[in-house]
Amino acid sequence: VADIIKIKNSNNKEYYSIIINKLNKWKKIYPIGYGLPYVLSITISQRIIHWSFALMLLESNSSIIAPEKEKLINQLIKYLIDETSYLLIRGTFFNKIKNNFFVSEAVSLIIAFEVLNNYHKRFLIIDYIDKKIKRELDDFLSNRINAKSFVDEGSIFYENFILENLSLLESINFKKYDKYKYKLFIYIYSISKNNKQLPN
């Protein structure tokens, strides 16, 4: 994403080739499913979010029309499809019991599906998975955003983690989970006031 921002700020076409080479070199070192970047689902989720944002930034920069730009977009789309497909298998989506990484997994997939929808006709199976992820995330949040869960976690970082991930959905103007963001924000603020009551 930082490299894409450089392009946006400088309008230097040479950056496209640099990023393509960097991306391909990384993928050669770490084929899908291999190496440290694929040990934890949260790192896959973060990568999906970053590459989705990179595509959004590239599309918003209409001042440069270059073959290298289209090549980079196509590469990112290919790798993003690979990563989302792998996360569906590697993550907790199919697990009956979800862990704390599920929030990051779900947010990354919701964003990626929305971004990829601009480039490919969405298959019915993706529509089904997208709706199921959103429904399961809603269930997960309704069960986890309560005082007992927060006390059990014993760390303010957990609440911040969920809040930050849900806030990323603003990038695609998805506001379904705003009610949980509100509760999280109030709870985090109340910690500093020694008041651990969640709003109704």
N, C-alpha and C. Protein backbone atom coordinates (compact mmCIF):
# COMPACT_ATOMS: atom_id res chain seq x y z
N VAL A 1 0.83 -1.19 0.00
CA VAL A 1 0.00 0.00 0.00
C VAL A 1 0.87 1.25 0.00
N ALA A 2 1.96 1.23 0.78
CA ALA A 2 2.87 2.38 0.83
C ALA A 2 3.45 2.69 -0.55
N ASP A 3 3.75 1.64 -1.30
CA ASP A 3 4.29 1.83 -2.66
C ASP A 3 3.25 2.45 -3.59
N ILE A 4 1.99 2.03 -3.43
CA ILE A 4 0.92 2.59 -4.27
C ILE A 4 0.72 4.06 -3.95
N ILE A 5 0.85 4.41 -2.68
CA ILE A 5 0.72 5.81 -2.26
C ILE A 5 1.82 6.65 -2.90
N LYS A 6 3.02 6.07 -3.02
CA LYS A 6 4.12 6.78 -3.69
C LYS A 6 3.75 7.11 -5.13
N ILE A 7 3.13 6.14 -5.81
CA ILE A 7 2.70 6.37 -7.19
C ILE A 7 1.67 7.50 -7.24
N LYS A 8 0.72 7.44 -6.32
CA LYS A 8 -0.36 8.43 -6.30
C LYS A 8 0.18 9.83 -6.06
N ASN A 9 1.23 9.92 -5.22
CA ASN A 9 1.78 11.23 -4.88
C ASN A 9 2.77 11.76 -5.92
N SER A 10 3.46 10.85 -6.61
CA SER A 10 4.52 11.28 -7.53
C SER A 10 4.15 11.22 -9.01
N ASN A 11 3.14 10.36 -9.33
CA ASN A 11 2.77 10.12 -10.73
C ASN A 11 3.94 9.58 -11.56
N ASN A 12 4.84 8.85 -10.88
CA ASN A 12 6.00 8.27 -11.54
C ASN A 12 5.67 6.85 -12.01
N LYS A 13 5.63 6.66 -13.33
CA LYS A 13 5.27 5.37 -13.91
C LYS A 13 6.28 4.27 -13.57
N GLU A 14 7.52 4.65 -13.28
CA GLU A 14 8.55 3.65 -13.00
C GLU A 14 8.23 2.82 -11.76
N TYR A 15 7.46 3.40 -10.85
CA TYR A 15 7.11 2.68 -9.63
C TYR A 15 6.32 1.41 -9.93
N TYR A 16 5.54 1.41 -11.00
CA TYR A 16 4.73 0.24 -11.33
C TYR A 16 5.60 -0.99 -11.52
N SER A 17 6.65 -0.85 -12.33
CA SER A 17 7.55 -1.98 -12.58
C SER A 17 8.26 -2.42 -11.31
N ILE A 18 8.63 -1.46 -10.49
CA ILE A 18 9.30 -1.78 -9.22
C ILE A 18 8.40 -2.61 -8.32
N ILE A 19 7.13 -2.20 -8.22
CA ILE A 19 6.18 -2.92 -7.37
C ILE A 19 5.88 -4.31 -7.93
N ILE A 20 5.71 -4.40 -9.24
CA ILE A 20 5.44 -5.71 -9.87
C ILE A 20 6.59 -6.67 -9.59
N ASN A 21 7.82 -6.20 -9.74
CA ASN A 21 8.99 -7.06 -9.48
C ASN A 21 9.05 -7.46 -8.01
N LYS A 22 8.75 -6.52 -7.13
CA LYS A 22 8.79 -6.79 -5.69
C LYS A 22 7.73 -7.83 -5.32
N LEU A 23 6.55 -7.67 -5.89
CA LEU A 23 5.44 -8.57 -5.61
C LEU A 23 5.72 -9.98 -6.14
N ASN A 24 6.21 -10.06 -7.36
CA ASN A 24 6.51 -11.37 -7.95
C ASN A 24 7.66 -12.07 -7.23
N LYS A 25 8.64 -11.29 -6.79
CA LYS A 25 9.77 -11.86 -6.04
C LYS A 25 9.29 -12.45 -4.72
N TRP A 26 8.39 -11.71 -4.06
CA TRP A 26 7.84 -12.19 -2.78
C TRP A 26 7.07 -13.49 -2.99
N LYS A 27 6.24 -13.53 -4.05
CA LYS A 27 5.43 -14.71 -4.31
C LYS A 27 6.29 -15.92 -4.71
N LYS A 28 7.43 -15.66 -5.31
CA LYS A 28 8.34 -16.74 -5.67
C LYS A 28 8.97 -17.35 -4.42
N ILE A 29 9.27 -16.50 -3.46
CA ILE A 29 9.85 -16.98 -2.19
C ILE A 29 8.80 -17.70 -1.36
N TYR A 30 7.58 -17.16 -1.38
CA TYR A 30 6.49 -17.71 -0.57
C TYR A 30 5.30 -18.12 -1.44
N PRO A 31 5.37 -19.30 -2.08
CA PRO A 31 4.21 -19.77 -2.84
C PRO A 31 3.01 -19.92 -1.91
N ILE A 32 1.83 -19.90 -2.46
CA ILE A 32 0.62 -19.95 -1.65
C ILE A 32 0.62 -21.15 -0.69
N GLY A 33 0.47 -20.87 0.59
CA GLY A 33 0.41 -21.93 1.59
C GLY A 33 1.74 -22.32 2.21
N TYR A 34 2.84 -21.72 1.74
CA TYR A 34 4.17 -22.12 2.23
C TYR A 34 4.87 -20.97 2.95
N GLY A 35 5.57 -21.30 4.01
CA GLY A 35 6.40 -20.31 4.69
C GLY A 35 5.68 -19.58 5.82
N LEU A 36 6.46 -18.77 6.52
CA LEU A 36 5.97 -18.04 7.69
C LEU A 36 4.74 -17.17 7.42
N PRO A 37 4.63 -16.52 6.25
CA PRO A 37 3.46 -15.68 6.00
C PRO A 37 2.13 -16.43 5.97
N TYR A 38 2.18 -17.77 5.98
CA TYR A 38 0.95 -18.56 5.92
C TYR A 38 0.71 -19.39 7.18
N VAL A 39 1.49 -19.15 8.22
CA VAL A 39 1.34 -19.90 9.47
C VAL A 39 0.06 -19.50 10.20
N LEU A 40 -0.18 -18.19 10.31
CA LEU A 40 -1.35 -17.69 11.02
C LEU A 40 -2.35 -17.07 10.04
N SER A 41 -3.61 -17.33 10.28
CA SER A 41 -4.64 -16.78 9.39
C SER A 41 -4.69 -15.26 9.46
N ILE A 42 -4.30 -14.70 10.59
CA ILE A 42 -4.37 -13.24 10.73
C ILE A 42 -3.41 -12.53 9.78
N THR A 43 -2.25 -13.14 9.51
CA THR A 43 -1.30 -12.52 8.57
C THR A 43 -1.83 -12.61 7.13
N ILE A 44 -2.54 -13.68 6.83
CA ILE A 44 -3.17 -13.81 5.51
C ILE A 44 -4.26 -12.75 5.38
N SER A 45 -5.04 -12.58 6.43
CA SER A 45 -6.11 -11.58 6.43
C SER A 45 -5.57 -10.17 6.21
N GLN A 46 -4.49 -9.85 6.91
CA GLN A 46 -3.88 -8.52 6.77
C GLN A 46 -3.38 -8.29 5.35
N ARG A 47 -2.81 -9.33 4.76
CA ARG A 47 -2.31 -9.22 3.39
C ARG A 47 -3.47 -8.99 2.42
N ILE A 48 -4.56 -9.70 2.63
CA ILE A 48 -5.75 -9.54 1.78
C ILE A 48 -6.28 -8.11 1.87
N ILE A 49 -6.32 -7.58 3.08
CA ILE A 49 -6.81 -6.20 3.28
C ILE A 49 -5.88 -5.21 2.58
N HIS A 50 -4.57 -5.37 2.75
CA HIS A 50 -3.60 -4.46 2.13
C HIS A 50 -3.69 -4.50 0.61
N TRP A 51 -3.78 -5.68 0.05
CA TRP A 51 -3.84 -5.80 -1.41
C TRP A 51 -5.17 -5.29 -1.96
N SER A 52 -6.23 -5.45 -1.18
CA SER A 52 -7.53 -4.90 -1.59
C SER A 52 -7.47 -3.37 -1.61
N PHE A 53 -6.86 -2.81 -0.56
CA PHE A 53 -6.70 -1.35 -0.51
C PHE A 53 -5.80 -0.85 -1.63
N ALA A 54 -4.78 -1.64 -1.97
CA ALA A 54 -3.87 -1.27 -3.07
C ALA A 54 -4.65 -1.17 -4.38
N LEU A 55 -5.55 -2.11 -4.62
CA LEU A 55 -6.37 -2.08 -5.83
C LEU A 55 -7.30 -0.86 -5.83
N MET A 56 -7.86 -0.56 -4.68
CA MET A 56 -8.75 0.60 -4.57
C MET A 56 -7.99 1.89 -4.85
N LEU A 57 -6.77 1.97 -4.34
CA LEU A 57 -5.94 3.17 -4.56
C LEU A 57 -5.55 3.30 -6.03
N LEU A 58 -5.20 2.17 -6.65
CA LEU A 58 -4.83 2.19 -8.06
C LEU A 58 -5.99 2.66 -8.93
N GLU A 59 -7.18 2.19 -8.61
CA GLU A 59 -8.35 2.58 -9.39
C GLU A 59 -8.71 4.05 -9.19
N SER A 60 -8.39 4.57 -8.00
CA SER A 60 -8.72 5.97 -7.73
C SER A 60 -7.74 6.94 -8.38
N ASN A 61 -6.58 6.39 -8.82
CA ASN A 61 -5.57 7.23 -9.46
C ASN A 61 -5.74 7.16 -10.97
N SER A 62 -6.61 8.00 -11.49
CA SER A 62 -6.90 7.98 -12.93
C SER A 62 -5.99 8.90 -13.73
N SER A 63 -5.05 9.55 -13.05
CA SER A 63 -4.18 10.51 -13.76
C SER A 63 -3.14 9.82 -14.62
N ILE A 64 -2.86 8.54 -14.30
CA ILE A 64 -1.87 7.79 -15.09
C ILE A 64 -2.54 6.62 -15.79
N ILE A 65 -2.39 6.56 -17.10
CA ILE A 65 -2.85 5.41 -17.87
C ILE A 65 -1.62 4.78 -18.51
N ALA A 66 -1.25 3.62 -18.01
CA ALA A 66 -0.02 2.98 -18.49
C ALA A 66 -0.21 1.47 -18.51
N PRO A 67 0.45 0.77 -19.46
CA PRO A 67 0.36 -0.69 -19.51
C PRO A 67 0.83 -1.33 -18.19
N GLU A 68 1.84 -0.70 -17.56
CA GLU A 68 2.36 -1.24 -16.30
C GLU A 68 1.31 -1.20 -15.20
N LYS A 69 0.47 -0.18 -15.23
CA LYS A 69 -0.59 -0.07 -14.23
C LYS A 69 -1.58 -1.22 -14.38
N GLU A 70 -2.00 -1.50 -15.61
CA GLU A 70 -2.92 -2.60 -15.86
C GLU A 70 -2.30 -3.93 -15.48
N LYS A 71 -1.00 -4.07 -15.75
CA LYS A 71 -0.30 -5.31 -15.40
C LYS A 71 -0.28 -5.50 -13.89
N LEU A 72 -0.03 -4.42 -13.15
CA LEU A 72 -0.01 -4.50 -11.69
C LEU A 72 -1.40 -4.84 -11.15
N ILE A 73 -2.43 -4.21 -11.70
CA ILE A 73 -3.80 -4.50 -11.28
C ILE A 73 -4.13 -5.97 -11.51
N ASN A 74 -3.76 -6.50 -12.67
CA ASN A 74 -4.03 -7.90 -12.98
C ASN A 74 -3.29 -8.85 -12.04
N GLN A 75 -2.04 -8.49 -11.71
CA GLN A 75 -1.26 -9.31 -10.79
C GLN A 75 -1.90 -9.32 -9.41
N LEU A 76 -2.30 -8.15 -8.95
CA LEU A 76 -2.92 -8.05 -7.62
C LEU A 76 -4.23 -8.82 -7.57
N ILE A 77 -5.00 -8.75 -8.63
CA ILE A 77 -6.27 -9.49 -8.68
C ILE A 77 -6.01 -11.00 -8.58
N LYS A 78 -5.04 -11.48 -9.36
CA LYS A 78 -4.70 -12.91 -9.35
C LYS A 78 -4.28 -13.36 -7.95
N TYR A 79 -3.35 -12.59 -7.35
CA TYR A 79 -2.85 -12.97 -6.03
C TYR A 79 -3.93 -12.83 -4.96
N LEU A 80 -4.80 -11.85 -5.12
CA LEU A 80 -5.88 -11.65 -4.15
C LEU A 80 -6.87 -12.82 -4.19
N ILE A 81 -7.16 -13.29 -5.38
CA ILE A 81 -8.03 -14.46 -5.51
C ILE A 81 -7.39 -15.68 -4.86
N ASP A 82 -6.09 -15.87 -5.09
CA ASP A 82 -5.36 -16.99 -4.47
C ASP A 82 -5.42 -16.92 -2.95
N GLU A 83 -5.18 -15.71 -2.41
CA GLU A 83 -5.13 -15.54 -0.95
C GLU A 83 -6.51 -15.75 -0.32
N THR A 84 -7.55 -15.21 -0.94
CA THR A 84 -8.89 -15.38 -0.37
C THR A 84 -9.32 -16.85 -0.42
N SER A 85 -8.99 -17.53 -1.51
CA SER A 85 -9.32 -18.95 -1.64
C SER A 85 -8.61 -19.76 -0.55
N TYR A 86 -7.34 -19.43 -0.32
CA TYR A 86 -6.57 -20.17 0.68
C TYR A 86 -7.10 -19.87 2.09
N LEU A 87 -7.47 -18.61 2.34
CA LEU A 87 -7.96 -18.25 3.68
C LEU A 87 -9.26 -18.97 4.01
N LEU A 88 -10.11 -19.16 3.01
CA LEU A 88 -11.36 -19.89 3.25
C LEU A 88 -11.09 -21.31 3.73
N ILE A 89 -9.98 -21.89 3.27
CA ILE A 89 -9.62 -23.25 3.68
C ILE A 89 -8.82 -23.23 4.98
N ARG A 90 -7.87 -22.30 5.06
CA ARG A 90 -6.93 -22.26 6.19
C ARG A 90 -7.52 -21.60 7.43
N GLY A 91 -8.48 -20.69 7.26
CA GLY A 91 -9.03 -19.95 8.38
C GLY A 91 -10.06 -20.73 9.17
N THR A 92 -10.87 -20.02 9.95
CA THR A 92 -11.84 -20.67 10.84
C THR A 92 -13.26 -20.62 10.28
N PHE A 93 -13.39 -20.24 9.01
CA PHE A 93 -14.70 -20.09 8.40
C PHE A 93 -15.55 -21.35 8.51
N PHE A 94 -14.93 -22.52 8.27
CA PHE A 94 -15.67 -23.78 8.29
C PHE A 94 -15.69 -24.43 9.68
N ASN A 95 -15.02 -23.81 10.65
CA ASN A 95 -14.98 -24.36 12.00
C ASN A 95 -16.25 -24.01 12.77
N LYS A 96 -16.73 -24.96 13.54
CA LYS A 96 -17.93 -24.70 14.36
C LYS A 96 -17.61 -23.66 15.43
N ILE A 97 -16.42 -23.77 16.03
CA ILE A 97 -15.98 -22.82 17.05
C ILE A 97 -14.98 -21.86 16.43
N LYS A 98 -15.27 -20.58 16.48
CA LYS A 98 -14.40 -19.56 15.88
C LYS A 98 -13.46 -19.00 16.94
N ASN A 99 -12.21 -18.71 16.54
CA ASN A 99 -11.30 -18.06 17.48
C ASN A 99 -11.29 -16.55 17.22
N ASN A 100 -10.45 -15.83 17.96
CA ASN A 100 -10.44 -14.37 17.88
C ASN A 100 -9.98 -13.85 16.52
N PHE A 101 -9.29 -14.69 15.75
CA PHE A 101 -8.84 -14.26 14.43
C PHE A 101 -9.99 -14.19 13.42
N PHE A 102 -11.13 -14.77 13.79
CA PHE A 102 -12.25 -14.82 12.86
C PHE A 102 -12.71 -13.42 12.43
N VAL A 103 -12.64 -12.46 13.34
CA VAL A 103 -13.06 -11.09 13.00
C VAL A 103 -12.21 -10.56 11.85
N SER A 104 -10.89 -10.71 11.97
CA SER A 104 -9.98 -10.25 10.93
C SER A 104 -10.20 -11.03 9.63
N GLU A 105 -10.40 -12.34 9.74
CA GLU A 105 -10.65 -13.17 8.56
C GLU A 105 -11.91 -12.70 7.84
N ALA A 106 -12.99 -12.52 8.59
CA ALA A 106 -14.27 -12.15 8.00
C ALA A 106 -14.21 -10.77 7.35
N VAL A 107 -13.60 -9.81 8.04
CA VAL A 107 -13.49 -8.45 7.51
C VAL A 107 -12.68 -8.45 6.21
N SER A 108 -11.58 -9.18 6.20
CA SER A 108 -10.73 -9.21 5.00
C SER A 108 -11.48 -9.82 3.81
N LEU A 109 -12.25 -10.86 4.05
CA LEU A 109 -12.99 -11.52 2.97
C LEU A 109 -14.14 -10.64 2.46
N ILE A 110 -14.82 -9.97 3.37
CA ILE A 110 -15.92 -9.07 2.97
C ILE A 110 -15.38 -7.96 2.08
N ILE A 111 -14.24 -7.38 2.47
CA ILE A 111 -13.63 -6.30 1.68
C ILE A 111 -13.14 -6.84 0.33
N ALA A 112 -12.46 -7.98 0.36
CA ALA A 112 -11.91 -8.55 -0.88
C ALA A 112 -13.01 -8.92 -1.87
N PHE A 113 -14.09 -9.53 -1.37
CA PHE A 113 -15.20 -9.89 -2.26
C PHE A 113 -15.79 -8.65 -2.92
N GLU A 114 -15.90 -7.57 -2.16
CA GLU A 114 -16.46 -6.33 -2.70
C GLU A 114 -15.54 -5.74 -3.77
N VAL A 115 -14.24 -5.75 -3.50
CA VAL A 115 -13.26 -5.21 -4.45
C VAL A 115 -13.21 -6.07 -5.72
N LEU A 116 -13.14 -7.38 -5.54
CA LEU A 116 -13.05 -8.29 -6.69
C LEU A 116 -14.33 -8.28 -7.53
N ASN A 117 -15.42 -7.91 -6.92
CA ASN A 117 -16.69 -7.84 -7.64
C ASN A 117 -16.65 -6.79 -8.76
N ASN A 118 -15.71 -5.85 -8.65
CA ASN A 118 -15.55 -4.82 -9.69
C ASN A 118 -14.84 -5.35 -10.93
N TYR A 119 -14.22 -6.54 -10.79
CA TYR A 119 -13.41 -7.08 -11.89
C TYR A 119 -13.96 -8.37 -12.47
N HIS A 120 -14.69 -9.13 -11.67
CA HIS A 120 -15.19 -10.43 -12.11
C HIS A 120 -16.66 -10.58 -11.75
N LYS A 121 -17.38 -11.27 -12.62
CA LYS A 121 -18.76 -11.60 -12.30
C LYS A 121 -18.74 -12.56 -11.12
N ARG A 122 -19.52 -12.24 -10.10
CA ARG A 122 -19.51 -13.04 -8.89
C ARG A 122 -20.32 -14.32 -9.08
N PHE A 123 -19.70 -15.47 -8.73
CA PHE A 123 -20.39 -16.75 -8.80
C PHE A 123 -21.38 -16.87 -7.64
N LEU A 124 -22.39 -17.71 -7.82
CA LEU A 124 -23.40 -17.89 -6.78
C LEU A 124 -22.79 -18.41 -5.48
N ILE A 125 -21.76 -19.25 -5.60
CA ILE A 125 -21.11 -19.78 -4.40
C ILE A 125 -20.45 -18.67 -3.58
N ILE A 126 -19.91 -17.66 -4.27
CA ILE A 126 -19.29 -16.53 -3.56
C ILE A 126 -20.36 -15.70 -2.86
N ASP A 127 -21.52 -15.53 -3.52
CA ASP A 127 -22.63 -14.83 -2.88
C ASP A 127 -23.05 -15.56 -1.61
N TYR A 128 -23.11 -16.87 -1.71
CA TYR A 128 -23.50 -17.68 -0.54
C TYR A 128 -22.48 -17.53 0.59
N ILE A 129 -21.19 -17.65 0.24
CA ILE A 129 -20.13 -17.54 1.25
C ILE A 129 -20.12 -16.15 1.87
N ASP A 130 -20.29 -15.13 1.04
CA ASP A 130 -20.30 -13.75 1.52
C ASP A 130 -21.42 -13.53 2.54
N LYS A 131 -22.61 -13.99 2.21
CA LYS A 131 -23.76 -13.83 3.12
C LYS A 131 -23.55 -14.63 4.41
N LYS A 132 -22.97 -15.83 4.27
CA LYS A 132 -22.73 -16.69 5.44
C LYS A 132 -21.68 -16.06 6.36
N ILE A 133 -20.63 -15.50 5.78
CA ILE A 133 -19.59 -14.85 6.58
C ILE A 133 -20.18 -13.68 7.37
N LYS A 134 -20.97 -12.86 6.69
CA LYS A 134 -21.58 -11.70 7.35
C LYS A 134 -22.52 -12.12 8.47
N ARG A 135 -23.28 -13.19 8.24
CA ARG A 135 -24.20 -13.68 9.26
C ARG A 135 -23.44 -14.26 10.45
N GLU A 136 -22.37 -15.03 10.17
CA GLU A 136 -21.59 -15.63 11.25
C GLU A 136 -20.80 -14.59 12.03
N LEU A 137 -20.34 -13.54 11.33
CA LEU A 137 -19.64 -12.46 12.03
C LEU A 137 -20.60 -11.73 12.96
N ASP A 138 -21.83 -11.52 12.51
CA ASP A 138 -22.84 -10.88 13.34
C ASP A 138 -23.09 -11.71 14.60
N ASP A 139 -23.22 -13.03 14.43
CA ASP A 139 -23.43 -13.92 15.57
C ASP A 139 -22.22 -13.90 16.51
N PHE A 140 -21.04 -13.93 15.92
CA PHE A 140 -19.81 -13.94 16.72
C PHE A 140 -19.71 -12.67 17.56
N LEU A 141 -19.97 -11.53 16.95
CA LEU A 141 -19.86 -10.25 17.66
C LEU A 141 -20.93 -10.11 18.74
N SER A 142 -22.13 -10.56 18.45
CA SER A 142 -23.20 -10.45 19.44
C SER A 142 -22.91 -11.30 20.67
N ASN A 143 -22.17 -12.40 20.47
CA ASN A 143 -21.82 -13.27 21.60
C ASN A 143 -20.56 -12.82 22.33
N ARG A 144 -19.68 -12.09 21.63
CA ARG A 144 -18.39 -11.72 22.21
C ARG A 144 -18.35 -10.31 22.79
N ILE A 145 -19.17 -9.42 22.27
CA ILE A 145 -19.11 -8.04 22.77
C ILE A 145 -20.03 -7.91 23.97
N ASN A 146 -19.51 -8.36 25.09
CA ASN A 146 -20.19 -8.24 26.37
C ASN A 146 -19.14 -8.20 27.47
N ALA A 147 -19.54 -7.76 28.62
CA ALA A 147 -18.58 -7.54 29.72
C ALA A 147 -17.85 -8.82 30.11
N LYS A 148 -18.54 -9.96 30.10
CA LYS A 148 -17.91 -11.22 30.51
C LYS A 148 -16.77 -11.59 29.58
N SER A 149 -16.99 -11.48 28.27
CA SER A 149 -15.93 -11.81 27.32
C SER A 149 -14.73 -10.89 27.48
N PHE A 150 -14.98 -9.62 27.71
CA PHE A 150 -13.90 -8.66 27.87
C PHE A 150 -13.08 -8.96 29.12
N VAL A 151 -13.78 -9.31 30.20
CA VAL A 151 -13.07 -9.66 31.44
C VAL A 151 -12.26 -10.93 31.24
N ASP A 152 -12.85 -11.91 30.54
CA ASP A 152 -12.15 -13.17 30.28
C ASP A 152 -10.88 -12.95 29.47
N GLU A 153 -10.96 -12.05 28.49
CA GLU A 153 -9.78 -11.75 27.66
C GLU A 153 -8.70 -11.08 28.49
N GLY A 154 -9.12 -10.22 29.42
CA GLY A 154 -8.17 -9.58 30.32
C GLY A 154 -7.23 -8.60 29.66
N SER A 155 -7.59 -8.08 28.50
CA SER A 155 -6.70 -7.15 27.81
C SER A 155 -7.49 -6.17 26.97
N ILE A 156 -7.13 -4.90 27.06
CA ILE A 156 -7.77 -3.86 26.26
C ILE A 156 -7.43 -4.03 24.78
N PHE A 157 -6.34 -4.74 24.50
CA PHE A 157 -5.92 -4.92 23.11
C PHE A 157 -6.96 -5.72 22.31
N TYR A 158 -7.67 -6.61 22.98
CA TYR A 158 -8.69 -7.41 22.30
C TYR A 158 -9.81 -6.52 21.76
N GLU A 159 -10.29 -5.60 22.61
CA GLU A 159 -11.34 -4.69 22.18
C GLU A 159 -10.86 -3.78 21.05
N ASN A 160 -9.64 -3.28 21.17
CA ASN A 160 -9.06 -2.43 20.12
C ASN A 160 -8.91 -3.20 18.81
N PHE A 161 -8.52 -4.46 18.94
CA PHE A 161 -8.34 -5.31 17.76
C PHE A 161 -9.64 -5.43 16.97
N ILE A 162 -10.73 -5.72 17.68
CA ILE A 162 -12.03 -5.86 17.01
C ILE A 162 -12.48 -4.54 16.43
N LEU A 163 -12.34 -3.45 17.21
CA LEU A 163 -12.78 -2.14 16.76
C LEU A 163 -12.03 -1.70 15.50
N GLU A 164 -10.72 -1.89 15.49
CA GLU A 164 -9.91 -1.50 14.33
C GLU A 164 -10.31 -2.29 13.08
N ASN A 165 -10.53 -3.59 13.25
CA ASN A 165 -10.91 -4.42 12.11
C ASN A 165 -12.28 -4.03 11.56
N LEU A 166 -13.24 -3.82 12.42
CA LEU A 166 -14.58 -3.43 11.97
C LEU A 166 -14.55 -2.06 11.29
N SER A 167 -13.67 -1.19 11.77
CA SER A 167 -13.57 0.16 11.19
C SER A 167 -13.09 0.12 9.74
N LEU A 168 -12.34 -0.93 9.39
CA LEU A 168 -11.85 -1.07 8.02
C LEU A 168 -12.98 -1.22 7.01
N LEU A 169 -14.14 -1.67 7.49
CA LEU A 169 -15.29 -1.85 6.59
C LEU A 169 -15.84 -0.52 6.08
N GLU A 170 -15.42 0.57 6.72
CA GLU A 170 -15.81 1.90 6.23
C GLU A 170 -15.29 2.12 4.81
N SER A 171 -14.21 1.44 4.46
CA SER A 171 -13.59 1.61 3.14
C SER A 171 -14.54 1.20 2.01
N ILE A 172 -15.47 0.29 2.31
CA ILE A 172 -16.44 -0.13 1.29
C ILE A 172 -17.85 0.33 1.68
N ASN A 173 -17.90 1.26 2.63
CA ASN A 173 -19.17 1.85 3.06
C ASN A 173 -20.14 0.79 3.59
N PHE A 174 -19.58 -0.17 4.33
CA PHE A 174 -20.39 -1.25 4.90
C PHE A 174 -20.59 -0.96 6.39
N LYS A 175 -21.83 -0.69 6.80
CA LYS A 175 -22.09 -0.18 8.14
C LYS A 175 -22.92 -1.13 9.01
N LYS A 176 -23.03 -2.37 8.59
CA LYS A 176 -23.89 -3.31 9.30
C LYS A 176 -23.48 -3.49 10.76
N TYR A 177 -22.19 -3.39 11.04
CA TYR A 177 -21.70 -3.69 12.38
C TYR A 177 -21.40 -2.43 13.21
N ASP A 178 -21.94 -1.29 12.80
CA ASP A 178 -21.68 -0.04 13.52
C ASP A 178 -22.14 -0.11 14.97
N LYS A 179 -23.21 -0.84 15.22
CA LYS A 179 -23.71 -0.94 16.60
C LYS A 179 -22.66 -1.57 17.53
N TYR A 180 -21.89 -2.51 16.99
CA TYR A 180 -20.84 -3.14 17.80
C TYR A 180 -19.65 -2.19 17.98
N LYS A 181 -19.36 -1.41 16.96
CA LYS A 181 -18.28 -0.41 17.06
C LYS A 181 -18.61 0.60 18.15
N TYR A 182 -19.88 0.99 18.22
CA TYR A 182 -20.31 1.95 19.23
C TYR A 182 -20.11 1.38 20.63
N LYS A 183 -20.54 0.13 20.82
CA LYS A 183 -20.38 -0.51 22.12
C LYS A 183 -18.91 -0.64 22.51
N LEU A 184 -18.09 -1.02 21.53
CA LEU A 184 -16.65 -1.17 21.79
C LEU A 184 -16.02 0.16 22.17
N PHE A 185 -16.36 1.20 21.42
CA PHE A 185 -15.79 2.52 21.69
C PHE A 185 -16.16 2.98 23.10
N ILE A 186 -17.42 2.85 23.48
CA ILE A 186 -17.87 3.26 24.81
C ILE A 186 -17.19 2.45 25.89
N TYR A 187 -17.05 1.15 25.63
CA TYR A 187 -16.41 0.28 26.63
C TYR A 187 -14.94 0.66 26.82
N ILE A 188 -14.24 0.85 25.71
CA ILE A 188 -12.81 1.21 25.80
C ILE A 188 -12.65 2.54 26.52
N TYR A 189 -13.52 3.49 26.21
CA TYR A 189 -13.46 4.81 26.88
C TYR A 189 -13.74 4.67 28.37
N SER A 190 -14.71 3.81 28.70
CA SER A 190 -15.11 3.68 30.10
C SER A 190 -14.02 3.06 30.96
N ILE A 191 -13.11 2.28 30.33
CA ILE A 191 -12.02 1.67 31.09
C ILE A 191 -11.20 2.74 31.82
N SER A 192 -10.95 3.82 31.10
CA SER A 192 -10.14 4.89 31.69
C SER A 192 -10.87 5.61 32.82
N LYS A 193 -12.21 5.41 32.88
CA LYS A 193 -13.02 6.03 33.93
C LYS A 193 -13.38 5.03 35.03
N ASN A 194 -12.72 3.85 34.98
CA ASN A 194 -12.98 2.78 35.94
C ASN A 194 -14.44 2.35 35.94
N ASN A 195 -15.04 2.39 34.78
CA ASN A 195 -16.43 1.99 34.64
C ASN A 195 -16.51 0.95 33.54
N LYS A 196 -16.74 -0.30 33.91
CA LYS A 196 -16.67 -1.37 32.92
C LYS A 196 -18.04 -1.84 32.45
N GLN A 197 -19.02 -0.96 32.53
CA GLN A 197 -20.37 -1.31 32.07
C GLN A 197 -20.51 -1.05 30.58
N LEU A 198 -21.07 -2.00 29.89
CA LEU A 198 -21.35 -1.82 28.46
C LEU A 198 -22.66 -1.07 28.29
N PRO A 199 -22.77 -0.24 27.26
CA PRO A 199 -24.06 0.42 27.00
C PRO A 199 -25.10 -0.59 26.55
N ASN A 200 -26.36 -0.30 26.80
CA ASN A 200 -27.43 -1.20 26.36
C ASN A 200 -27.63 -1.11 24.85
